[in-house]
Amino acid sequence: MGLLKAANGTALEWVDVEKAPYSSDYDPVMALAQNHIFFLNVPGVPAGSADIYVIHCKPKHKHMLW
């Protein structure tokens, strides 16, 4: 995602590596920050805190960054 500077018509492949740990009645409130997703208002998480997940993007081509 760090190399993506503008939207385009190419789809990104997503892999579901595990089930969400929330009950089916949780109505997610999410915030996106580069490669992190913050889940807010999660049951059992203290006020002012958030669950954070990291998005791992596996590029089809390996690039060397200097």
Protein backbone atom coordinates (compact mmCIF):
# COMPACT_ATOMS: atom_id res chain seq x y z
CA MET A 1 0.00 0.00 0.00
CA GLY A 2 2.91 2.33 0.59
CA LEU A 3 3.71 2.34 -3.13
CA LEU A 4 0.12 3.09 -4.16
CA LYS A 5 -0.11 6.84 -4.71
CA ALA A 6 -3.42 7.06 -6.60
CA ALA A 7 -6.50 4.91 -7.13
CA ASN A 8 -6.60 2.69 -10.19
CA GLY A 9 -8.72 -0.09 -11.68
CA THR A 10 -6.45 -2.91 -10.48
CA ALA A 11 -7.98 -5.10 -7.78
CA LEU A 12 -5.94 -5.99 -4.70
CA GLU A 13 -6.12 -9.58 -3.52
CA TRP A 14 -7.37 -10.03 0.07
CA VAL A 15 -6.79 -13.15 2.14
CA ASP A 16 -8.95 -13.79 5.19
CA VAL A 17 -6.44 -15.23 7.65
CA GLU A 18 -8.77 -15.50 10.64
CA LYS A 19 -12.32 -14.80 11.77
CA ALA A 20 -13.08 -11.47 13.40
CA PRO A 21 -13.14 -11.87 17.19
CA TYR A 22 -16.38 -9.88 17.55
CA SER A 23 -19.92 -11.11 18.03
CA SER A 24 -22.33 -10.88 15.12
CA ASP A 25 -24.24 -8.02 16.80
CA TYR A 26 -21.17 -5.71 16.90
CA ASP A 27 -21.73 -2.78 14.54
CA PRO A 28 -18.12 -1.84 13.64
CA VAL A 29 -16.80 1.68 13.85
CA MET A 30 -13.50 1.72 11.96
CA ALA A 31 -10.74 4.18 11.13
CA LEU A 32 -8.06 3.53 8.53
CA ALA A 33 -4.49 4.79 8.97
CA GLN A 34 -2.16 3.75 6.12
CA ASN A 35 -1.84 0.00 6.80
CA HIS A 36 -3.71 -0.20 10.12
CA ILE A 37 -7.43 -0.50 10.83
CA PHE A 38 -8.65 0.78 14.20
CA PHE A 39 -11.86 -0.80 15.56
CA LEU A 40 -13.60 1.59 17.96
CA ASN A 41 -16.47 1.00 20.44
CA VAL A 42 -15.53 -2.68 20.75
CA PRO A 43 -17.38 -4.52 23.54
CA GLY A 44 -15.03 -5.23 26.45
CA VAL A 45 -12.38 -2.70 25.33
CA PRO A 46 -11.96 0.29 27.69
CA ALA A 47 -13.21 3.71 26.59
CA GLY A 48 -10.51 5.63 24.75
CA SER A 49 -8.87 2.40 23.52
CA ALA A 50 -9.12 0.57 20.20
CA ASP A 51 -8.36 -2.81 18.70
CA ILE A 52 -5.74 -2.38 15.97
CA TYR A 53 -5.15 -4.67 12.99
CA VAL A 54 -2.30 -4.42 10.51
CA ILE A 55 -2.93 -4.90 6.78
CA HIS A 56 -0.21 -6.93 5.09
CA CYS A 57 -0.05 -6.43 1.35
CA LYS A 58 1.80 -9.11 -0.60
CA PRO A 59 2.91 -7.58 -3.92
CA LYS A 60 2.88 -9.75 -7.02
CA HIS A 61 6.33 -8.42 -7.96
CA LYS A 62 9.20 -7.86 -5.56
CA HIS A 63 10.73 -4.38 -5.74
CA MET A 64 13.95 -3.16 -4.23
CA LEU A 65 13.55 0.10 -2.34
CA TRP A 66 16.71 2.07 -1.70
